[in-house]
Amino acid sequence: MDQEWITYQAWIAHFDILGFKSIINNDNDSLTLTILQNTITKIIDDLKKDVSEFEENVEYLFYADTFIIYSKSERVNDYPGFIRVSKNFINKCIYKRLPIRGAISYGELILGHAKKILMGKAFLESYVYGEDQNWLGLILTPSASRKLKEHGLEPVRHGFINRDIPMRKYSIFDEEIYAYFFINGSTNFQCPLLPILKEMMQLSPNAEKAKYENTIKFIERHYKVHKSS
């Protein structure tokens, strides 16, 4: 039945667009709203393509300023596809100048009414930690990092780091919170997201600039450039 409720343990990533409310409430900025609509359309198209590569493992939904990516089961085998889709999502959002932040949790997930309703402890934790971030970033919450370590998977070996994370209420020194350091943290050249973030910061409202500054500082501090021999 469409109304059937399903409860299981899952990986879940909660993303929200920064500055969404101010754009919607600004009656004099129809151009920005049109650009936002077009960007979201492109982002959703990209997300559909990424999820299609892991359709046995990963699902998604979106509403208003929120995007949810979640695993279809509690199997650890779902994690590689899930984390790849989640990382690709935030990278592509920034490439397309869509300011976003996200948090990944593991735990109880409840789906109902043909998967149109989503709730559960994992969803709540990803939402709370996501809202607490003072930057454009993607983090692993304590439930997610603990679950990975239970399976012998160290977050620091998969593009995450647990230092200098721009949080507000929660301690930046919490050893169970890990942040993704973009493009998996290293290339042979400067992080390609930096000039885009600096451009976005210049165009952002003054109240939002600190989030961009924190993101830029984090990348500059932890992103590794491999020097050619």
C-alpha atoms as a PDB file:
ATOM      1  CA  MET A   1       0.000   0.000   0.000  1.00  0.00           C
ATOM      2  CA  ASP A   2       1.101   3.559  -0.696  1.00  0.00           C
ATOM      3  CA  GLN A   3       0.525   4.438   2.974  1.00  0.00           C
ATOM      4  CA  GLU A   4       2.810   1.677   4.248  1.00  0.00           C
ATOM      5  CA  TRP A   5       5.535   2.838   6.610  1.00  0.00           C
ATOM      6  CA  ILE A   6       9.044   1.422   6.336  1.00  0.00           C
ATOM      7  CA  THR A   7      11.637   1.728   9.122  1.00  0.00           C
ATOM      8  CA  TYR A   8      15.266   0.727   8.762  1.00  0.00           C
ATOM      9  CA  GLN A   9      18.826   1.841   9.566  1.00  0.00           C
ATOM     10  CA  ALA A  10      20.262   4.017   6.805  1.00  0.00           C
ATOM     11  CA  TRP A  11      22.855   6.544   5.705  1.00  0.00           C
ATOM     12  CA  ILE A  12      21.265   9.933   5.114  1.00  0.00           C
ATOM     13  CA  ALA A  13      22.610  13.278   3.874  1.00  0.00           C
ATOM     14  CA  HIS A  14      20.632  16.456   4.460  1.00  0.00           C
ATOM     15  CA  PHE A  15      21.516  19.507   2.311  1.00  0.00           C
ATOM     16  CA  ASP A  16      19.996  22.984   2.364  1.00  0.00           C
ATOM     17  CA  ILE A  17      20.505  26.054   0.173  1.00  0.00           C
ATOM     18  CA  LEU A  18      21.909  29.121   1.944  1.00  0.00           C
ATOM     19  CA  GLY A  19      20.090  32.429   1.452  1.00  0.00           C
ATOM     20  CA  PHE A  20      17.021  30.735  -0.027  1.00  0.00           C
ATOM     21  CA  LYS A  21      14.466  32.637   2.047  1.00  0.00           C
ATOM     22  CA  SER A  22      15.900  36.058   1.262  1.00  0.00           C
ATOM     23  CA  ILE A  23      15.793  35.351  -2.482  1.00  0.00           C
ATOM     24  CA  ILE A  24      12.180  34.174  -2.324  1.00  0.00           C
ATOM     25  CA  ASN A  25      11.116  37.164  -0.189  1.00  0.00           C
ATOM     26  CA  ASN A  26      12.821  39.761  -2.432  1.00  0.00           C
ATOM     27  CA  ASP A  27      10.084  41.021  -4.774  1.00  0.00           C
ATOM     28  CA  ASN A  28      12.586  43.213  -6.652  1.00  0.00           C
ATOM     29  CA  ASP A  29      14.996  40.456  -7.661  1.00  0.00           C
ATOM     30  CA  SER A  30      13.193  38.334 -10.242  1.00  0.00           C
ATOM     31  CA  LEU A  31      16.435  37.815 -12.197  1.00  0.00           C
ATOM     32  CA  THR A  32      18.169  36.134  -9.248  1.00  0.00           C
ATOM     33  CA  LEU A  33      15.108  33.958  -8.674  1.00  0.00           C
ATOM     34  CA  THR A  34      15.134  32.864 -12.325  1.00  0.00           C
ATOM     35  CA  ILE A  35      18.848  32.033 -12.124  1.00  0.00           C
ATOM     36  CA  LEU A  36      18.201  30.052  -8.929  1.00  0.00           C
ATOM     37  CA  GLN A  37      15.419  28.084 -10.606  1.00  0.00           C
ATOM     38  CA  ASN A  38      17.595  27.253 -13.613  1.00  0.00           C
ATOM     39  CA  THR A  39      20.510  26.251 -11.378  1.00  0.00           C
ATOM     40  CA  ILE A  40      18.345  23.973  -9.240  1.00  0.00           C
ATOM     41  CA  THR A  41      17.007  22.308 -12.400  1.00  0.00           C
ATOM     42  CA  LYS A  42      20.563  21.579 -13.575  1.00  0.00           C
ATOM     43  CA  ILE A  43      21.565  20.316 -10.133  1.00  0.00           C
ATOM     44  CA  ILE A  44      18.597  17.946  -9.993  1.00  0.00           C
ATOM     45  CA  ASP A  45      19.432  16.624 -13.469  1.00  0.00           C
ATOM     46  CA  ASP A  46      23.005  15.943 -12.306  1.00  0.00           C
ATOM     47  CA  LEU A  47      21.751  14.289  -9.130  1.00  0.00           C
ATOM     48  CA  LYS A  48      19.438  11.990 -11.091  1.00  0.00           C
ATOM     49  CA  LYS A  49      22.347  10.893 -13.290  1.00  0.00           C
ATOM     50  CA  ASP A  50      24.621  10.216 -10.312  1.00  0.00           C
ATOM     51  CA  VAL A  51      21.936   8.266  -8.444  1.00  0.00           C
ATOM     52  CA  SER A  52      21.134   6.208 -11.550  1.00  0.00           C
ATOM     53  CA  GLU A  53      24.645   4.704 -11.353  1.00  0.00           C
ATOM     54  CA  PHE A  54      23.810   3.357  -7.875  1.00  0.00           C
ATOM     55  CA  GLU A  55      20.053   2.850  -8.182  1.00  0.00           C
ATOM     56  CA  GLU A  56      20.198  -0.364  -6.141  1.00  0.00           C
ATOM     57  CA  ASN A  57      21.830   1.463  -3.236  1.00  0.00           C
ATOM     58  CA  VAL A  58      20.830   5.141  -3.214  1.00  0.00           C
ATOM     59  CA  GLU A  59      17.631   7.196  -3.333  1.00  0.00           C
ATOM     60  CA  TYR A  60      16.885  10.912  -3.075  1.00  0.00           C
ATOM     61  CA  LEU A  61      14.106  13.454  -2.673  1.00  0.00           C
ATOM     62  CA  PHE A  62      13.907  17.234  -2.617  1.00  0.00           C
ATOM     63  CA  TYR A  63      11.530  19.986  -1.509  1.00  0.00           C
ATOM     64  CA  ALA A  64      11.811  23.760  -1.124  1.00  0.00           C
ATOM     65  CA  ASP A  65      15.471  24.488  -0.255  1.00  0.00           C
ATOM     66  CA  THR A  66      16.259  20.943   0.904  1.00  0.00           C
ATOM     67  CA  PHE A  67      17.815  17.915  -0.791  1.00  0.00           C
ATOM     68  CA  ILE A  68      17.890  14.496   0.863  1.00  0.00           C
ATOM     69  CA  ILE A  69      20.114  11.618  -0.266  1.00  0.00           C
ATOM     70  CA  TYR A  70      19.754   8.293   1.547  1.00  0.00           C
ATOM     71  CA  SER A  71      20.730   4.627   1.293  1.00  0.00           C
ATOM     72  CA  LYS A  72      18.126   2.007   0.453  1.00  0.00           C
ATOM     73  CA  SER A  73      19.270  -0.362   3.179  1.00  0.00           C
ATOM     74  CA  GLU A  74      21.500  -0.601   6.242  1.00  0.00           C
ATOM     75  CA  ARG A  75      24.141  -2.617   4.380  1.00  0.00           C
ATOM     76  CA  VAL A  76      27.651  -1.214   4.528  1.00  0.00           C
ATOM     77  CA  ASN A  77      27.798  -2.029   0.798  1.00  0.00           C
ATOM     78  CA  ASP A  78      25.462   0.908   0.199  1.00  0.00           C
ATOM     79  CA  TYR A  79      27.955   3.367   1.658  1.00  0.00           C
ATOM     80  CA  PRO A  80      30.416   3.712  -1.282  1.00  0.00           C
ATOM     81  CA  GLY A  81      27.672   4.687  -3.734  1.00  0.00           C
ATOM     82  CA  PHE A  82      25.962   6.898  -1.162  1.00  0.00           C
ATOM     83  CA  ILE A  83      29.114   8.834  -0.249  1.00  0.00           C
ATOM     84  CA  ARG A  84      30.141   9.241  -3.877  1.00  0.00           C
ATOM     85  CA  VAL A  85      26.760  10.723  -4.776  1.00  0.00           C
ATOM     86  CA  SER A  86      26.866  13.023  -1.713  1.00  0.00           C
ATOM     87  CA  LYS A  87      30.389  14.294  -2.460  1.00  0.00           C
ATOM     88  CA  ASN A  88      29.584  14.828  -6.131  1.00  0.00           C
ATOM     89  CA  PHE A  89      26.468  16.714  -5.134  1.00  0.00           C
ATOM     90  CA  ILE A  90      28.192  19.379  -3.028  1.00  0.00           C
ATOM     91  CA  ASN A  91      31.063  19.750  -5.506  1.00  0.00           C
ATOM     92  CA  LYS A  92      28.665  20.251  -8.418  1.00  0.00           C
ATOM     93  CA  CYS A  93      26.527  22.683  -6.428  1.00  0.00           C
ATOM     94  CA  ILE A  94      29.529  24.923  -5.799  1.00  0.00           C
ATOM     95  CA  TYR A  95      30.707  24.608  -9.413  1.00  0.00           C
ATOM     96  CA  LYS A  96      27.258  25.896 -10.417  1.00  0.00           C
ATOM     97  CA  ARG A  97      27.383  28.698  -7.810  1.00  0.00           C
ATOM     98  CA  LEU A  98      24.667  27.222  -5.616  1.00  0.00           C
ATOM     99  CA  PRO A  99      25.561  27.862  -1.951  1.00  0.00           C
ATOM    100  CA  ILE A 100      24.813  24.741   0.044  1.00  0.00           C
ATOM    101  CA  ARG A 101      25.794  22.858   3.177  1.00  0.00           C
ATOM    102  CA  GLY A 102      25.151  19.286   4.228  1.00  0.00           C
ATOM    103  CA  ALA A 103      25.492  16.720   6.995  1.00  0.00           C
ATOM    104  CA  ILE A 104      25.598  12.919   6.884  1.00  0.00           C
ATOM    105  CA  SER A 105      24.177  10.702   9.634  1.00  0.00           C
ATOM    106  CA  TYR A 106      23.472   7.029  10.210  1.00  0.00           C
ATOM    107  CA  GLY A 107      20.521   5.574  12.070  1.00  0.00           C
ATOM    108  CA  GLU A 108      16.771   5.160  12.053  1.00  0.00           C
ATOM    109  CA  LEU A 109      15.018   6.257   8.876  1.00  0.00           C
ATOM    110  CA  ILE A 110      11.236   6.135   8.474  1.00  0.00           C
ATOM    111  CA  LEU A 111       9.585   6.406   5.058  1.00  0.00           C
ATOM    112  CA  GLY A 112       5.875   6.535   4.349  1.00  0.00           C
ATOM    113  CA  HIS A 113       3.196   7.364   1.793  1.00  0.00           C
ATOM    114  CA  ALA A 114       5.148   6.273  -1.287  1.00  0.00           C
ATOM    115  CA  LYS A 115       8.347   7.757   0.204  1.00  0.00           C
ATOM    116  CA  LYS A 116       6.834  11.243   0.236  1.00  0.00           C
ATOM    117  CA  ILE A 117       7.241  11.477   4.007  1.00  0.00           C
ATOM    118  CA  LEU A 118      10.624  11.006   5.642  1.00  0.00           C
ATOM    119  CA  MET A 119      11.493  11.146   9.331  1.00  0.00           C
ATOM    120  CA  GLY A 120      13.578   9.389  11.965  1.00  0.00           C
ATOM    121  CA  LYS A 121      16.524   9.951  14.275  1.00  0.00           C
ATOM    122  CA  ALA A 122      19.099   9.908  11.462  1.00  0.00           C
ATOM    123  CA  PHE A 123      17.166  12.549   9.559  1.00  0.00           C
ATOM    124  CA  LEU A 124      16.877  14.713  12.669  1.00  0.00           C
ATOM    125  CA  GLU A 125      20.591  14.484  13.476  1.00  0.00           C
ATOM    126  CA  SER A 126      21.617  15.339   9.904  1.00  0.00           C
ATOM    127  CA  TYR A 127      19.273  18.332   9.963  1.00  0.00           C
ATOM    128  CA  VAL A 128      20.480  19.655  13.339  1.00  0.00           C
ATOM    129  CA  TYR A 129      24.180  19.323  12.528  1.00  0.00           C
ATOM    130  CA  GLY A 130      23.646  20.705   9.032  1.00  0.00           C
ATOM    131  CA  GLU A 131      21.982  23.845  10.381  1.00  0.00           C
ATOM    132  CA  ASP A 132      24.800  24.300  12.904  1.00  0.00           C
ATOM    133  CA  GLN A 133      27.490  24.710  10.230  1.00  0.00           C
ATOM    134  CA  ASN A 134      28.845  28.189   9.566  1.00  0.00           C
ATOM    135  CA  TRP A 135      30.203  27.503   6.085  1.00  0.00           C
ATOM    136  CA  LEU A 136      29.508  25.780   2.767  1.00  0.00           C
ATOM    137  CA  GLY A 137      30.555  22.270   3.678  1.00  0.00           C
ATOM    138  CA  LEU A 138      29.713  18.615   4.156  1.00  0.00           C
ATOM    139  CA  ILE A 139      30.265  16.836   7.463  1.00  0.00           C
ATOM    140  CA  LEU A 140      29.939  13.402   9.014  1.00  0.00           C
ATOM    141  CA  THR A 141      27.966  13.589  12.264  1.00  0.00           C
ATOM    142  CA  PRO A 142      28.969  11.432  15.262  1.00  0.00           C
ATOM    143  CA  SER A 143      26.546   8.626  14.327  1.00  0.00           C
ATOM    144  CA  ALA A 144      28.055   8.376  10.835  1.00  0.00           C
ATOM    145  CA  SER A 145      31.706   8.442  11.909  1.00  0.00           C
ATOM    146  CA  ARG A 146      31.068   5.859  14.623  1.00  0.00           C
ATOM    147  CA  LYS A 147      29.338   3.527  12.178  1.00  0.00           C
ATOM    148  CA  LEU A 148      32.213   3.771   9.710  1.00  0.00           C
ATOM    149  CA  LYS A 149      34.739   2.951  12.410  1.00  0.00           C
ATOM    150  CA  GLU A 150      32.660  -0.061  13.497  1.00  0.00           C
ATOM    151  CA  HIS A 151      33.335  -1.444  10.021  1.00  0.00           C
ATOM    152  CA  GLY A 152      37.030  -0.556  10.116  1.00  0.00           C
ATOM    153  CA  LEU A 153      36.585   2.431   7.785  1.00  0.00           C
ATOM    154  CA  GLU A 154      38.509   5.521   8.882  1.00  0.00           C
ATOM    155  CA  PRO A 155      36.949   8.790   7.615  1.00  0.00           C
ATOM    156  CA  VAL A 156      40.406  10.376   7.274  1.00  0.00           C
ATOM    157  CA  ARG A 157      41.179   7.861   4.525  1.00  0.00           C
ATOM    158  CA  HIS A 158      38.127   8.827   2.520  1.00  0.00           C
ATOM    159  CA  GLY A 159      38.494  12.571   2.103  1.00  0.00           C
ATOM    160  CA  PHE A 160      37.436  13.730   5.584  1.00  0.00           C
ATOM    161  CA  ILE A 161      39.233  15.515   8.397  1.00  0.00           C
ATOM    162  CA  ASN A 162      38.238  16.315  11.997  1.00  0.00           C
ATOM    163  CA  ARG A 163      39.932  19.684  12.511  1.00  0.00           C
ATOM    164  CA  ASP A 164      38.980  23.346  12.089  1.00  0.00           C
ATOM    165  CA  ILE A 165      35.345  22.662  11.198  1.00  0.00           C
ATOM    166  CA  PRO A 166      33.252  25.869  11.262  1.00  0.00           C
ATOM    167  CA  MET A 167      30.493  24.859  13.683  1.00  0.00           C
ATOM    168  CA  ARG A 168      28.542  27.138  16.006  1.00  0.00           C
ATOM    169  CA  LYS A 169      26.812  25.329  18.882  1.00  0.00           C
ATOM    170  CA  TYR A 170      28.753  22.074  18.657  1.00  0.00           C
ATOM    171  CA  SER A 171      32.434  22.019  19.530  1.00  0.00           C
ATOM    172  CA  ILE A 172      34.848  22.442  16.641  1.00  0.00           C
ATOM    173  CA  PHE A 173      37.103  20.046  18.561  1.00  0.00           C
ATOM    174  CA  ASP A 174      34.561  17.171  18.612  1.00  0.00           C
ATOM    175  CA  GLU A 175      36.608  14.190  17.454  1.00  0.00           C
ATOM    176  CA  GLU A 176      33.486  12.449  16.139  1.00  0.00           C
ATOM    177  CA  ILE A 177      32.657  15.194  13.617  1.00  0.00           C
ATOM    178  CA  TYR A 178      34.501  15.051  10.299  1.00  0.00           C
ATOM    179  CA  ALA A 179      34.451  17.467   7.368  1.00  0.00           C
ATOM    180  CA  TYR A 180      34.870  16.665   3.703  1.00  0.00           C
ATOM    181  CA  PHE A 181      37.742  18.681   2.274  1.00  0.00           C
ATOM    182  CA  PHE A 182      36.484  18.894  -1.303  1.00  0.00           C
ATOM    183  CA  ILE A 183      37.610  17.094  -4.476  1.00  0.00           C
ATOM    184  CA  ASN A 184      38.880  14.503  -1.934  1.00  0.00           C
ATOM    185  CA  GLY A 185      41.421  16.969  -0.625  1.00  0.00           C
ATOM    186  CA  SER A 186      44.219  17.035  -3.182  1.00  0.00           C
ATOM    187  CA  THR A 187      45.141  17.575  -6.834  1.00  0.00           C
ATOM    188  CA  ASN A 188      48.176  18.673  -8.803  1.00  0.00           C
ATOM    189  CA  PHE A 189      46.892  22.236  -8.771  1.00  0.00           C
ATOM    190  CA  GLN A 190      45.015  24.689  -6.572  1.00  0.00           C
ATOM    191  CA  CYS A 191      41.547  23.582  -5.548  1.00  0.00           C
ATOM    192  CA  PRO A 192      39.331  24.580  -8.506  1.00  0.00           C
ATOM    193  CA  LEU A 193      36.536  25.576  -6.142  1.00  0.00           C
ATOM    194  CA  LEU A 194      38.520  28.437  -4.568  1.00  0.00           C
ATOM    195  CA  PRO A 195      38.053  31.068  -7.316  1.00  0.00           C
ATOM    196  CA  ILE A 196      34.366  30.168  -7.531  1.00  0.00           C
ATOM    197  CA  LEU A 197      33.909  30.550  -3.774  1.00  0.00           C
ATOM    198  CA  LYS A 198      35.709  33.905  -3.821  1.00  0.00           C
ATOM    199  CA  GLU A 199      33.436  35.096  -6.618  1.00  0.00           C
ATOM    200  CA  MET A 200      30.356  33.892  -4.715  1.00  0.00           C
ATOM    201  CA  MET A 201      31.543  35.675  -1.577  1.00  0.00           C
ATOM    202  CA  GLN A 202      31.878  38.982  -3.439  1.00  0.00           C
ATOM    203  CA  LEU A 203      28.278  38.718  -4.617  1.00  0.00           C
ATOM    204  CA  SER A 204      26.834  37.469  -1.327  1.00  0.00           C
ATOM    205  CA  PRO A 205      25.010  39.625   1.290  1.00  0.00           C
ATOM    206  CA  ASN A 206      27.245  40.939   4.063  1.00  0.00           C
ATOM    207  CA  ALA A 207      25.504  38.694   6.582  1.00  0.00           C
ATOM    208  CA  GLU A 208      26.562  35.607   4.617  1.00  0.00           C
ATOM    209  CA  LYS A 209      30.182  36.504   3.810  1.00  0.00           C
ATOM    210  CA  ALA A 210      31.582  34.855   6.947  1.00  0.00           C
ATOM    211  CA  LYS A 211      30.364  31.454   5.703  1.00  0.00           C
ATOM    212  CA  TYR A 212      32.356  31.873   2.488  1.00  0.00           C
ATOM    213  CA  GLU A 213      35.403  33.140   4.358  1.00  0.00           C
ATOM    214  CA  ASN A 214      35.299  30.092   6.635  1.00  0.00           C
ATOM    215  CA  THR A 215      35.035  27.754   3.639  1.00  0.00           C
ATOM    216  CA  ILE A 216      37.926  29.406   1.807  1.00  0.00           C
ATOM    217  CA  LYS A 217      40.139  29.358   4.902  1.00  0.00           C
ATOM    218  CA  PHE A 218      39.357  25.682   5.512  1.00  0.00           C
ATOM    219  CA  ILE A 219      40.307  24.709   1.950  1.00  0.00           C
ATOM    220  CA  GLU A 220      43.456  26.839   1.970  1.00  0.00           C
ATOM    221  CA  ARG A 221      44.532  25.265   5.253  1.00  0.00           C
ATOM    222  CA  HIS A 222      43.871  21.615   4.413  1.00  0.00           C
ATOM    223  CA  TYR A 223      43.799  21.180   0.641  1.00  0.00           C
ATOM    224  CA  LYS A 224      47.006  19.595  -0.640  1.00  0.00           C
ATOM    225  CA  VAL A 225      48.614  20.490  -3.951  1.00  0.00           C
ATOM    226  CA  HIS A 226      51.007  17.848  -5.254  1.00  0.00           C
ATOM    227  CA  LYS A 227      54.062  19.496  -6.731  1.00  0.00           C
ATOM    228  CA  SER A 228      55.247  18.044 -10.017  1.00  0.00           C
ATOM    229  CA  SER A 229      58.777  16.656  -9.977  1.00  0.00           C
END
